[in-house]
Amino acid sequence: LLASRIQEIVKNRGLEITRPNPPKEARPITYGDFAILFRSTGGIKLFEAALEEMGIPFFVVSGKGLYDTREIIDLISLLQLIDNPLDEVKLAAVLRSPFAGINDHTLFWMAHHARHEEKVGAYCNTPLLVQLDRLASIPEIDLTQKERLLRFGGLLERLRGLKERLSIASLMEGILAETQYGSRVLASPNGRQSYANLRKFVGLTRDFEKREILGLPQFLRAIRDLRVTETRESEAPTDLEADDVVKIMTIHKAKGLEFPVVAVADIGRDQRSYPSDILFSKKGGLGLKIINPLTNRPEVTATFEEIDQEIIEKDKGEEERVLYVALTRAQEHLILSGSYTKKTKSDPLKRLAETLDISLDSAELPDELTFGEEGYKLRLGI
């Protein structure tokens, strides 16, 4: 909903920007005027997917590490497959990636024929890789998909022949050159960032090999250890932040910054993550749920209730401070996006509605409100 609203505003020129440089003449709004702010990084990936699906260019400011980006995951998966072509999880991942471009329908029938011998109808366990040489016996796969599989099979065979002869960085360069993967990611909405990430990963690998001579298996284990220990390598720096792209960041990252249009996403999302059966606070001590021997069910003690309420009030105050920071990042226009139901009773949205004298439980909400001495306009969308 938020992605479609942003696209609608830009395409229909539903808003104008008049600040900050004099003379303060109005100009059409662009994607570069927008910043989407999140309380945490937990929900960013869903919004990335929505923006990408709608073709909206975006840039994630300190969103995820290099090793967690889609393009690096794809490249690492292909390297793992080159090292061990019988790894069916990696084979499926690579086949679905831009390296092969295989759809779910094709992958299903490959797996089906690998697990069932059609002549006798019996279950078998043929490696999925073998199906690349048996495509003629799988009538459910169309000709275009078979051609892609044949090309990929040849690519995999060539790369496996090179893995002992080339450095890992050179092997990566060969992969990117032969598959034109870099060109493909450049065509995506966040393509320049993705391409910069690929170049950074190749550069890091080359530097890594200068310090220590490793084979492909040892290199992949080193990368796995970095991910397991959550050693963070930032995404490659680019000039995208100054381009006509939607900026995505956490509210904390936005402190001290201002944007013509700010969209605060996921308002009302439950941020509490503490265990539900045990609580602790400096004031109240330890609160536990105790099993009732008669019902064999946990029951809340008075101490637990007191600590729970203390934490709720503390979290409420923190959320109000964070929300204030988010709201004051907007120079001209502010979009608030979140969910509200009678069951969840989102506190931030509820308090905002009470301030504006709006009933969120009402069946009929006004399309637009005017409030404040300066005549601020508020548009409501459900």
Protein backbone atom coordinates (compact mmCIF):
# COMPACT_ATOMS: atom_id res chain seq x y z
CA LEU A 1 0.00 0.00 0.00
CA LEU A 2 2.80 2.42 0.89
CA ALA A 3 4.77 1.60 -2.28
CA SER A 4 1.71 2.14 -4.47
CA ARG A 5 0.98 5.43 -2.70
CA ILE A 6 4.52 6.70 -3.38
CA GLN A 7 4.27 5.67 -7.02
CA GLU A 8 0.87 7.35 -7.32
CA ILE A 9 2.17 10.63 -5.86
CA VAL A 10 5.17 10.76 -8.22
CA LYS A 11 3.36 9.68 -11.38
CA ASN A 12 0.33 11.90 -10.82
CA ARG A 13 2.39 14.74 -9.35
CA GLY A 14 0.01 14.77 -6.42
CA LEU A 15 2.37 16.87 -4.30
CA GLU A 16 4.78 19.71 -4.90
CA ILE A 17 8.03 20.65 -3.20
CA THR A 18 8.67 24.31 -2.40
CA ARG A 19 11.66 24.22 -0.07
CA PRO A 20 14.42 24.90 0.83
CA ASN A 21 16.25 27.07 -1.70
CA PRO A 22 14.97 30.56 -2.56
CA PRO A 23 13.11 31.59 -4.52
CA LYS A 24 10.67 29.12 -3.05
CA GLU A 25 9.04 28.07 -6.28
CA ALA A 26 7.07 24.86 -6.42
CA ARG A 27 8.54 21.96 -8.38
CA PRO A 28 7.25 18.46 -9.21
CA ILE A 29 7.93 15.80 -6.64
CA THR A 30 10.42 13.01 -7.45
CA TYR A 31 11.40 9.68 -5.89
CA GLY A 32 14.53 11.36 -4.56
CA ASP A 33 12.37 13.48 -2.24
CA PHE A 34 11.15 10.41 -0.31
CA ALA A 35 12.63 8.74 2.74
CA ILE A 36 10.98 5.68 4.31
CA LEU A 37 11.82 5.33 8.00
CA PHE A 38 11.58 2.14 10.06
CA ARG A 39 11.77 1.52 13.80
CA SER A 40 14.05 -1.46 13.11
CA THR A 41 15.46 -3.32 10.13
CA GLY A 42 13.10 -6.27 10.64
CA GLY A 43 10.50 -5.22 8.08
CA ILE A 44 12.74 -3.57 5.52
CA LYS A 45 13.05 -6.59 3.22
CA LEU A 46 9.29 -6.75 2.66
CA PHE A 47 9.24 -3.12 1.60
CA GLU A 48 12.28 -3.62 -0.62
CA ALA A 49 10.42 -6.39 -2.45
CA ALA A 50 7.31 -4.21 -2.85
CA LEU A 51 9.30 -1.28 -4.23
CA GLU A 52 11.24 -3.52 -6.59
CA GLU A 53 8.05 -5.16 -7.85
CA MET A 54 6.60 -1.75 -8.69
CA GLY A 55 9.80 -0.56 -10.38
CA ILE A 56 10.49 2.17 -7.82
CA PRO A 57 14.23 2.93 -7.48
CA PHE A 58 15.47 2.82 -3.90
CA PHE A 59 18.60 2.81 -1.77
CA VAL A 60 18.92 1.17 1.64
CA VAL A 61 21.06 3.26 3.97
CA SER A 62 22.96 0.85 6.23
CA GLY A 63 20.23 -1.73 5.79
CA LYS A 64 21.99 -5.07 5.51
CA GLY A 65 25.55 -6.28 5.27
CA LEU A 66 27.34 -7.17 2.06
CA TYR A 67 27.06 -10.92 2.60
CA ASP A 68 23.29 -10.71 3.04
CA THR A 69 22.57 -8.97 -0.27
CA ARG A 70 20.79 -10.96 -2.96
CA GLU A 71 23.57 -10.66 -5.53
CA ILE A 72 26.31 -11.84 -3.16
CA ILE A 73 24.15 -14.74 -1.94
CA ASP A 74 23.64 -15.77 -5.59
CA LEU A 75 27.37 -15.62 -6.34
CA ILE A 76 28.32 -17.54 -3.19
CA SER A 77 25.68 -20.19 -4.00
CA LEU A 78 27.20 -20.68 -7.47
CA LEU A 79 30.71 -21.00 -5.97
CA GLN A 80 29.36 -23.59 -3.52
CA LEU A 81 27.78 -25.47 -6.41
CA ILE A 82 31.06 -25.41 -8.36
CA ASP A 83 32.75 -26.90 -5.29
CA ASN A 84 30.03 -29.52 -4.77
CA PRO A 85 27.61 -30.01 -7.70
CA LEU A 86 25.66 -32.64 -5.75
CA ASP A 87 24.44 -30.03 -3.23
CA GLU A 88 20.82 -29.99 -4.34
CA VAL A 89 19.81 -27.03 -2.18
CA LYS A 90 22.46 -24.86 -3.79
CA LEU A 91 21.65 -26.25 -7.25
CA ALA A 92 17.99 -25.29 -6.82
CA ALA A 93 18.97 -21.84 -5.55
CA VAL A 94 21.29 -21.19 -8.49
CA LEU A 95 18.78 -22.50 -11.03
CA ARG A 96 16.21 -20.03 -9.68
CA SER A 97 18.72 -17.17 -9.73
CA PRO A 98 19.55 -14.99 -12.75
CA PHE A 99 22.51 -17.29 -13.44
CA ALA A 100 20.07 -19.80 -14.94
CA GLY A 101 16.65 -18.10 -14.91
CA ILE A 102 14.66 -21.28 -14.29
CA ASN A 103 11.07 -20.96 -13.05
CA ASP A 104 9.35 -22.95 -10.31
CA HIS A 105 7.40 -25.07 -12.82
CA THR A 106 10.61 -26.33 -14.43
CA LEU A 107 12.28 -26.94 -11.08
CA PHE A 108 9.27 -28.95 -9.89
CA TRP A 109 9.30 -31.29 -12.87
CA MET A 110 13.06 -31.76 -12.67
CA ALA A 111 12.71 -32.78 -9.02
CA HIS A 112 9.69 -34.95 -9.79
CA HIS A 113 11.49 -36.94 -12.48
CA ALA A 114 14.59 -37.20 -10.28
CA ARG A 115 12.52 -38.83 -7.54
CA HIS A 116 10.27 -41.08 -9.66
CA GLU A 117 11.14 -43.60 -12.33
CA GLU A 118 8.32 -43.14 -14.82
CA LYS A 119 8.61 -46.60 -16.37
CA VAL A 120 7.86 -48.46 -13.17
CA GLY A 121 6.27 -45.66 -11.12
CA ALA A 122 8.68 -46.40 -8.30
CA TYR A 123 10.42 -43.96 -6.01
CA CYS A 124 14.11 -43.39 -6.67
CA ASN A 125 16.74 -40.87 -5.58
CA THR A 126 18.50 -39.69 -8.71
CA PRO A 127 20.61 -36.54 -8.13
CA LEU A 128 18.92 -33.41 -9.44
CA LEU A 129 22.09 -32.60 -11.38
CA VAL A 130 21.59 -35.71 -13.54
CA GLN A 131 18.37 -34.23 -14.92
CA LEU A 132 20.43 -31.67 -16.85
CA ASP A 133 21.42 -34.57 -19.13
CA ARG A 134 17.90 -36.03 -19.30
CA LEU A 135 15.90 -33.00 -20.40
CA ALA A 136 14.59 -34.80 -23.48
CA SER A 137 12.73 -37.20 -21.17
CA ILE A 138 10.89 -34.41 -19.31
CA PRO A 139 8.03 -33.33 -21.61
CA GLU A 140 6.54 -30.93 -19.06
CA ILE A 141 9.44 -28.47 -19.49
CA ASP A 142 9.11 -26.06 -22.43
CA LEU A 143 11.80 -25.48 -25.05
CA THR A 144 12.93 -22.08 -23.74
CA GLN A 145 13.54 -23.45 -20.26
CA LYS A 146 15.37 -26.48 -21.67
CA GLU A 147 17.69 -24.20 -23.64
CA ARG A 148 18.49 -22.26 -20.47
CA LEU A 149 19.20 -25.47 -18.61
CA LEU A 150 21.51 -26.70 -21.36
CA ARG A 151 23.43 -23.42 -21.32
CA PHE A 152 23.73 -23.55 -17.57
CA GLY A 153 24.90 -27.17 -17.64
CA GLY A 154 27.67 -26.23 -20.04
CA LEU A 155 28.60 -23.20 -17.91
CA LEU A 156 28.82 -25.29 -14.74
CA GLU A 157 31.04 -27.86 -16.44
CA ARG A 158 33.42 -25.17 -17.72
CA LEU A 159 33.61 -23.43 -14.35
CA ARG A 160 34.35 -26.70 -12.55
CA GLY A 161 37.21 -27.24 -14.97
CA LEU A 162 38.63 -23.80 -14.12
CA LYS A 163 38.35 -23.90 -10.32
CA GLU A 164 41.76 -25.52 -9.83
CA ARG A 165 43.49 -23.35 -12.43
CA LEU A 166 42.28 -19.86 -11.50
CA SER A 167 42.35 -17.81 -8.34
CA ILE A 168 38.97 -17.43 -6.70
CA ALA A 169 38.78 -13.75 -7.63
CA SER A 170 39.62 -14.60 -11.26
CA LEU A 171 36.98 -17.33 -11.19
CA MET A 172 34.43 -14.75 -10.01
CA GLU A 173 35.47 -12.39 -12.80
CA GLY A 174 35.00 -15.20 -15.30
CA ILE A 175 31.53 -15.97 -13.91
CA LEU A 176 30.41 -12.35 -14.13
CA ALA A 177 31.82 -11.94 -17.64
CA GLU A 178 30.37 -15.12 -19.11
CA THR A 179 26.93 -14.88 -17.50
CA GLN A 180 26.64 -11.06 -17.81
CA TYR A 181 25.26 -11.17 -14.30
CA GLY A 182 26.59 -7.68 -13.59
CA SER A 183 24.64 -6.26 -16.53
CA ARG A 184 21.51 -8.03 -15.34
CA VAL A 185 21.67 -6.63 -11.83
CA LEU A 186 22.35 -3.17 -13.24
CA ALA A 187 18.96 -3.35 -14.95
CA SER A 188 17.18 -3.92 -11.62
CA PRO A 189 15.68 -1.01 -9.63
CA ASN A 190 18.59 -1.01 -7.15
CA GLY A 191 21.05 -2.12 -9.81
CA ARG A 192 23.89 0.33 -9.28
CA GLN A 193 24.16 -0.63 -5.63
CA SER A 194 24.03 -4.34 -6.48
CA TYR A 195 26.73 -3.95 -9.12
CA ALA A 196 28.93 -2.00 -6.71
CA ASN A 197 28.46 -4.80 -4.14
CA LEU A 198 29.65 -7.40 -6.67
CA ARG A 199 32.76 -5.37 -7.47
CA LYS A 200 33.48 -4.90 -3.78
CA PHE A 201 33.13 -8.62 -3.09
CA VAL A 202 35.54 -9.50 -5.89
CA GLY A 203 37.98 -6.89 -4.59
CA LEU A 204 37.73 -8.21 -1.01
CA THR A 205 38.34 -11.74 -2.30
CA ARG A 206 41.44 -10.61 -4.20
CA ASP A 207 42.78 -8.87 -1.08
CA PHE A 208 41.98 -11.98 0.95
CA GLU A 209 43.96 -14.18 -1.44
CA LYS A 210 46.97 -11.85 -1.20
CA ARG A 211 47.11 -12.47 2.54
CA GLU A 212 46.53 -16.22 2.42
CA ILE A 213 46.49 -18.86 -0.31
CA LEU A 214 43.25 -20.80 -0.05
CA GLY A 215 41.38 -23.25 -2.20
CA LEU A 216 37.70 -22.81 -2.99
CA PRO A 217 36.48 -25.06 -0.11
CA GLN A 218 38.58 -23.15 2.46
CA PHE A 219 37.41 -19.79 1.08
CA LEU A 220 33.76 -20.81 1.29
CA ARG A 221 34.25 -21.97 4.88
CA ALA A 222 35.83 -18.62 5.74
CA ILE A 223 32.86 -16.75 4.26
CA ARG A 224 30.45 -19.04 6.11
CA ASP A 225 32.27 -18.36 9.39
CA LEU A 226 32.03 -14.61 8.79
CA ARG A 227 28.28 -14.89 8.32
CA VAL A 228 27.79 -17.21 11.30
CA THR A 229 29.74 -14.89 13.61
CA GLU A 230 27.80 -11.95 12.12
CA THR A 231 30.98 -10.15 11.09
CA ARG A 232 29.49 -7.22 9.25
CA GLU A 233 30.92 -6.00 5.96
CA SER A 234 29.06 -2.91 4.78
CA GLU A 235 27.61 -2.57 1.31
CA ALA A 236 29.74 -0.80 -1.27
CA PRO A 237 29.52 3.02 -1.17
CA THR A 238 27.94 4.66 -4.21
CA ASP A 239 26.54 8.06 -5.10
CA LEU A 240 23.01 6.65 -5.04
CA GLU A 241 22.07 8.61 -1.94
CA ALA A 242 22.16 11.78 -4.02
CA ASP A 243 20.25 10.24 -6.94
CA ASP A 244 16.55 10.15 -7.74
CA VAL A 245 15.85 7.16 -5.51
CA VAL A 246 13.73 6.51 -2.44
CA LYS A 247 15.92 6.36 0.68
CA ILE A 248 15.22 3.57 3.18
CA MET A 249 16.70 3.73 6.66
CA THR A 250 16.01 3.27 10.34
CA ILE A 251 14.73 6.18 12.42
CA HIS A 252 17.96 6.06 14.41
CA LYS A 253 19.99 6.48 11.21
CA ALA A 254 17.80 9.47 10.23
CA LYS A 255 18.59 11.47 13.36
CA GLY A 256 19.79 14.93 12.40
CA LEU A 257 18.60 14.53 8.79
CA GLU A 258 15.60 16.04 7.00
CA PHE A 259 13.80 15.05 3.81
CA PRO A 260 11.11 16.77 1.71
CA VAL A 261 8.79 13.78 2.16
CA VAL A 262 9.03 11.26 5.00
CA ALA A 263 7.04 8.04 5.14
CA VAL A 264 7.07 6.39 8.56
CA ALA A 265 6.41 2.69 7.98
CA ASP A 266 5.16 -0.10 10.22
CA ILE A 267 3.70 2.21 12.86
CA GLY A 268 2.26 0.12 15.65
CA ARG A 269 4.37 -2.95 14.99
CA ASP A 270 5.01 -4.78 18.27
CA GLN A 271 8.68 -4.24 19.07
CA ARG A 272 8.71 -6.19 22.33
CA SER A 273 10.80 -9.33 22.12
CA TYR A 274 11.26 -10.43 25.71
CA PRO A 275 10.15 -13.95 26.79
CA SER A 276 6.54 -14.25 27.80
CA ASP A 277 7.13 -16.54 30.81
CA ILE A 278 9.88 -14.67 32.64
CA LEU A 279 10.45 -10.93 33.12
CA PHE A 280 13.02 -8.86 34.96
CA SER A 281 13.39 -5.22 35.97
CA LYS A 282 15.67 -3.41 38.39
CA LYS A 283 12.66 -2.08 40.26
CA GLY A 284 10.45 -5.16 40.38
CA GLY A 285 13.02 -7.93 40.31
CA LEU A 286 12.13 -11.27 38.71
CA GLY A 287 8.61 -12.07 37.55
CA LEU A 288 7.58 -15.61 36.66
CA LYS A 289 4.58 -17.50 35.43
CA ILE A 290 3.92 -20.43 37.72
CA ILE A 291 2.37 -23.75 36.69
CA ASN A 292 -0.90 -24.42 38.49
CA PRO A 293 -0.73 -28.07 39.63
CA LEU A 294 -4.50 -28.44 39.32
CA THR A 295 -4.81 -27.18 35.73
CA ASN A 296 -1.21 -27.80 34.59
CA ARG A 297 -1.29 -24.35 32.97
CA PRO A 298 0.93 -21.30 33.62
CA GLU A 299 -0.61 -18.55 35.72
CA VAL A 300 0.55 -14.95 36.04
CA THR A 301 1.77 -13.82 39.44
CA ALA A 302 1.23 -10.34 40.83
CA THR A 303 4.96 -9.58 40.47
CA PHE A 304 4.90 -10.65 36.84
CA GLU A 305 1.94 -8.33 36.14
CA GLU A 306 3.67 -5.39 37.84
CA ILE A 307 6.90 -5.88 35.88
CA ASP A 308 5.01 -6.40 32.63
CA GLN A 309 3.14 -3.12 33.13
CA GLU A 310 6.40 -1.37 34.05
CA ILE A 311 8.03 -2.57 30.82
CA ILE A 312 4.97 -1.59 28.77
CA GLU A 313 5.06 1.95 30.17
CA LYS A 314 8.81 2.20 29.60
CA ASP A 315 8.46 0.95 26.03
CA LYS A 316 5.56 3.35 25.47
CA GLY A 317 7.69 6.31 26.48
CA GLU A 318 10.57 5.15 24.26
CA GLU A 319 8.25 4.61 21.29
CA GLU A 320 6.86 8.12 21.70
CA ARG A 321 10.36 9.59 21.68
CA VAL A 322 11.34 7.56 18.60
CA LEU A 323 8.11 8.49 16.83
CA TYR A 324 8.75 12.16 17.56
CA VAL A 325 12.18 11.88 15.92
CA ALA A 326 10.59 10.22 12.88
CA LEU A 327 7.81 12.80 12.50
CA THR A 328 10.20 15.73 12.72
CA ARG A 329 12.40 14.45 9.87
CA ALA A 330 9.84 15.72 7.32
CA GLN A 331 10.42 19.14 5.77
CA GLU A 332 7.11 19.42 3.89
CA HIS A 333 5.07 16.23 3.66
CA LEU A 334 4.56 13.32 6.02
CA ILE A 335 3.09 9.89 5.32
CA LEU A 336 2.19 7.59 8.21
CA SER A 337 1.73 3.92 7.38
CA GLY A 338 0.72 1.17 9.76
CA SER A 339 -1.96 -1.30 10.74
CA TYR A 340 -4.77 -0.87 13.22
CA THR A 341 -7.42 -3.33 14.26
CA LYS A 342 -9.74 -3.44 17.24
CA LYS A 343 -7.77 -6.47 18.44
CA THR A 344 -4.24 -5.04 18.20
CA LYS A 345 -5.12 -1.46 19.20
CA SER A 346 -1.91 0.04 17.84
CA ASP A 347 -0.93 2.58 20.51
CA PRO A 348 0.99 5.06 18.28
CA LEU A 349 -1.79 5.25 15.70
CA LYS A 350 -4.41 5.42 18.43
CA ARG A 351 -2.67 8.33 20.17
CA LEU A 352 -2.19 10.19 16.89
CA ALA A 353 -5.87 9.72 16.10
CA GLU A 354 -6.90 11.00 19.53
CA THR A 355 -4.70 14.08 19.05
CA LEU A 356 -6.41 14.80 15.73
CA ASP A 357 -9.85 13.93 17.16
CA ILE A 358 -10.33 11.00 14.78
CA SER A 359 -12.04 7.74 15.67
CA LEU A 360 -10.23 4.85 13.97
CA ASP A 361 -13.12 2.57 14.88
CA SER A 362 -15.54 4.69 12.88
CA ALA A 363 -17.01 3.12 9.76
CA GLU A 364 -16.71 6.43 7.92
CA LEU A 365 -13.49 8.42 8.04
CA PRO A 366 -13.06 11.77 6.28
CA ASP A 367 -10.88 11.79 3.17
CA GLU A 368 -9.07 14.93 4.31
CA LEU A 369 -8.68 17.01 7.46
CA THR A 370 -7.34 20.53 7.99
CA PHE A 371 -5.81 21.34 11.35
CA GLY A 372 -3.39 23.72 13.05
CA GLU A 373 -3.05 27.50 12.75
CA GLU A 374 -1.15 27.15 9.45
CA GLY A 375 -3.86 24.98 7.92
CA TYR A 376 -2.01 21.70 7.62
CA LYS A 377 -3.84 19.17 5.48
CA LEU A 378 -4.12 15.51 6.39
CA ARG A 379 -5.29 12.92 3.87
CA LEU A 380 -6.59 9.63 5.26
CA GLY A 381 -6.32 6.38 3.32
CA ILE A 382 -7.55 2.96 4.39
